[in-house]
């Protein structure tokens, strides 16, 4: 597989992860709330700062991608997402949950400005690649509730964060091994 195709494959996977991870809490909150003797509606506001960071953080992460390294920003995305999801699986209080959801939103903000830039820079057929990439992102949205629901039903809500954490870290390690730092010179 040539370098551009590898980069695009990782960028597509990242789009899936981005939307999947942002919606784990939305699917698991109904099971998490009783852990803290709270109702569903009482716990929902803890996600708001993370969703704000998901959008607003794009200003900073896009700038960092341009000024520093898109390749390294995507490495931070994969491994950072894994670490924040892992941390969420160990929280003990609603405040800790809110902090971890904020961190998830901050890490998730990397994908759109940085990943899309890499996609555009490495595509020969841009319209096709953007379309395929959109499918990957929507697959993350569509599958998050289903997969999270099944995991929480049979393994508990903590595993709903832990399992994708392990996958993200593994993908991040593979990304670092397969995508050389020289890709930033191509961009």
Protein backbone atom coordinates (compact mmCIF):
# COMPACT_ATOMS: atom_id res chain seq x y z
CA UNK A 1 0.00 0.00 0.00
CA UNK A 2 1.47 3.37 -0.95
CA UNK A 3 2.04 6.11 1.61
CA UNK A 4 -0.98 8.24 0.62
CA UNK A 5 -3.35 5.27 0.89
CA UNK A 6 -1.97 4.40 4.34
CA UNK A 7 -2.45 7.97 5.53
CA UNK A 8 -6.01 8.06 4.19
CA UNK A 9 -6.81 4.71 5.85
CA UNK A 10 -5.68 6.02 9.25
CA UNK A 11 -7.55 9.29 8.72
CA UNK A 12 -10.75 7.35 7.96
CA UNK A 13 -10.31 5.23 11.08
CA UNK A 14 -9.72 8.41 13.08
CA UNK A 15 -13.00 9.89 11.81
CA UNK A 16 -14.84 6.78 12.99
CA UNK A 17 -13.15 6.98 16.40
CA UNK A 18 -13.80 10.70 16.71
CA UNK A 19 -17.56 10.42 16.42
CA UNK A 20 -17.79 7.06 18.18
CA UNK A 21 -15.90 8.30 21.25
CA UNK A 22 -17.89 11.53 21.53
CA UNK A 23 -21.12 9.54 21.83
CA UNK A 24 -20.14 6.77 24.26
CA UNK A 25 -21.33 8.81 27.23
CA UNK A 26 -24.61 9.70 25.53
CA UNK A 27 -25.37 5.99 25.22
CA UNK A 28 -23.98 4.93 28.61
CA UNK A 29 -25.30 7.78 30.77
CA UNK A 30 -28.49 5.94 31.63
CA UNK A 31 -26.40 3.15 33.16
CA UNK A 32 -23.78 5.47 34.69
CA UNK A 33 -26.27 7.70 36.55
CA UNK A 34 -27.25 5.10 39.20
CA UNK A 35 -23.54 4.63 40.00
CA UNK A 36 -23.64 8.13 41.52
CA UNK A 37 -27.20 7.92 42.85
CA UNK A 38 -28.24 10.44 40.23
CA UNK A 39 -30.94 10.56 37.60
CA UNK A 40 -30.20 10.57 33.90
CA UNK A 41 -31.06 14.26 33.51
CA UNK A 42 -28.83 15.27 36.42
CA UNK A 43 -25.75 13.71 34.86
CA UNK A 44 -26.25 14.97 31.29
CA UNK A 45 -24.87 18.50 31.93
CA UNK A 46 -21.47 17.01 32.76
CA UNK A 47 -21.03 16.34 29.03
CA UNK A 48 -21.63 19.93 27.91
CA UNK A 49 -18.05 21.25 28.39
CA UNK A 50 -16.72 18.32 26.33
CA UNK A 51 -19.05 19.08 23.44
CA UNK A 52 -18.06 22.76 23.58
CA UNK A 53 -14.37 21.76 23.57
CA UNK A 54 -15.00 19.44 20.61
CA UNK A 55 -15.94 22.46 18.47
CA UNK A 56 -13.99 25.33 20.03
CA UNK A 57 -10.81 23.30 20.45
CA UNK A 58 -10.58 22.95 16.67
CA UNK A 59 -9.25 26.51 16.47
CA UNK A 60 -6.19 25.62 18.55
CA UNK A 61 -5.67 22.11 17.20
CA UNK A 62 -5.89 23.25 13.59
CA UNK A 63 -3.35 25.99 14.30
CA UNK A 64 -1.02 23.47 16.00
CA UNK A 65 -1.35 21.13 13.04
CA UNK A 66 -0.31 23.93 10.69
CA UNK A 67 2.50 25.33 12.85
CA UNK A 68 3.92 22.14 14.32
CA UNK A 69 3.03 18.76 12.80
CA UNK A 70 -0.17 17.25 11.45
CA UNK A 71 1.30 13.77 11.67
CA UNK A 72 2.16 14.24 15.34
CA UNK A 73 -1.18 15.87 16.12
CA UNK A 74 -2.91 12.75 14.76
CA UNK A 75 -0.64 10.59 16.93
CA UNK A 76 -1.77 12.69 19.91
CA UNK A 77 -5.35 12.14 18.73
CA UNK A 78 -5.10 8.33 18.69
CA UNK A 79 -3.09 7.88 21.88
CA UNK A 80 -4.71 10.81 23.70
CA UNK A 81 -8.18 9.49 22.91
CA UNK A 82 -7.14 6.10 24.22
CA UNK A 83 -5.78 7.58 27.44
CA UNK A 84 -8.82 9.79 28.05
CA UNK A 85 -11.22 6.91 27.44
CA UNK A 86 -9.09 4.76 29.75
CA UNK A 87 -9.19 7.46 32.42
CA UNK A 88 -12.96 7.70 32.09
CA UNK A 89 -13.29 4.01 32.82
CA UNK A 90 -11.71 4.62 36.26
CA UNK A 91 -13.63 7.72 37.42
CA UNK A 92 -15.21 7.71 40.87
CA UNK A 93 -17.19 10.97 41.03
CA UNK A 94 -19.39 13.04 38.73
CA UNK A 95 -16.77 15.82 38.78
CA UNK A 96 -14.11 13.39 37.57
CA UNK A 97 -16.52 12.27 34.86
CA UNK A 98 -17.04 15.87 33.74
CA UNK A 99 -13.28 16.47 33.62
CA UNK A 100 -12.69 13.33 31.56
CA UNK A 101 -15.52 14.19 29.16
CA UNK A 102 -13.94 17.62 28.73
CA UNK A 103 -10.60 15.98 27.92
CA UNK A 104 -12.29 13.63 25.44
CA UNK A 105 -13.80 16.68 23.71
CA UNK A 106 -10.43 18.43 23.62
CA UNK A 107 -8.71 15.42 22.05
CA UNK A 108 -11.63 14.87 19.65
CA UNK A 109 -11.21 18.47 18.45
CA UNK A 110 -7.97 17.43 16.74
CA UNK A 111 -9.59 15.29 14.08
CA UNK A 112 -11.59 17.68 11.89
CA UNK A 113 -9.01 20.41 11.23
CA UNK A 114 -5.96 18.16 11.22
CA UNK A 115 -7.36 14.91 9.80
CA UNK A 116 -9.29 16.67 7.06
CA UNK A 117 -6.16 18.63 6.10
CA UNK A 118 -4.20 15.39 5.82
CA UNK A 119 -6.99 13.80 3.81
CA UNK A 120 -7.06 16.68 1.34
CA UNK A 121 -3.25 16.77 1.07
CA UNK A 122 -3.00 13.06 0.30
CA UNK A 123 -5.98 12.48 -2.00
CA UNK A 124 -5.83 12.06 -5.75
CA UNK A 125 -9.64 11.89 -6.11
CA UNK A 126 -10.69 14.36 -3.45
CA UNK A 127 -14.47 14.12 -3.85
CA UNK A 128 -14.39 10.34 -3.57
CA UNK A 129 -12.08 10.38 -0.55
CA UNK A 130 -14.16 13.00 1.29
CA UNK A 131 -17.26 10.91 0.62
CA UNK A 132 -15.63 7.72 1.93
CA UNK A 133 -14.31 9.63 4.94
CA UNK A 134 -17.81 10.93 5.67
CA UNK A 135 -19.11 7.37 5.67
CA UNK A 136 -16.47 6.41 8.24
CA UNK A 137 -17.48 9.30 10.52
CA UNK A 138 -21.17 8.50 10.23
CA UNK A 139 -20.45 4.82 10.89
CA UNK A 140 -18.91 5.97 14.18
CA UNK A 141 -22.06 7.92 15.03
CA UNK A 142 -24.34 5.06 13.98
CA UNK A 143 -22.47 2.32 15.81
CA UNK A 144 -21.62 4.08 19.06
CA UNK A 145 -25.02 3.64 20.70
CA UNK A 146 -25.39 0.04 19.57
CA UNK A 147 -21.92 -1.11 20.57
CA UNK A 148 -21.96 0.88 23.82
CA UNK A 149 -25.39 -0.52 24.64
CA UNK A 150 -24.29 -4.11 24.09
CA UNK A 151 -21.09 -3.64 26.10
CA UNK A 152 -22.87 -1.92 29.01
CA UNK A 153 -25.56 -4.61 29.04
CA UNK A 154 -23.13 -7.51 29.29
CA UNK A 155 -19.85 -6.09 30.63
CA UNK A 156 -20.71 -2.79 32.33
CA UNK A 157 -20.29 0.87 31.48
CA UNK A 158 -16.62 1.03 32.48
CA UNK A 159 -15.75 -1.54 29.80
CA UNK A 160 -17.66 0.59 27.27
CA UNK A 161 -14.88 3.16 27.75
CA UNK A 162 -12.02 0.70 28.40
CA UNK A 163 -12.44 -1.44 25.26
CA UNK A 164 -12.22 1.44 22.75
CA UNK A 165 -9.37 2.93 24.82
CA UNK A 166 -7.25 -0.14 24.18
CA UNK A 167 -8.15 -0.09 20.48
CA UNK A 168 -7.24 3.62 20.16
CA UNK A 169 -3.86 3.18 21.82
CA UNK A 170 -3.07 0.16 19.64
CA UNK A 171 -4.02 2.10 16.49
CA UNK A 172 -1.89 5.03 17.69
CA UNK A 173 1.16 2.78 18.07
CA UNK A 174 0.58 1.33 14.59
CA UNK A 175 0.12 4.84 13.18
CA UNK A 176 3.45 5.97 14.61
CA UNK A 177 5.17 2.89 13.19
CA UNK A 178 3.58 3.18 9.73
CA UNK A 179 3.39 6.93 9.09
CA UNK A 180 6.84 8.55 9.11
CA UNK A 181 7.39 12.08 10.36
CA UNK A 182 8.46 12.99 6.82
CA UNK A 183 4.77 13.20 5.79
CA UNK A 184 4.73 16.75 7.19
CA UNK A 185 7.22 17.79 4.51
CA UNK A 186 4.83 16.54 1.81
CA UNK A 187 1.95 18.68 3.08
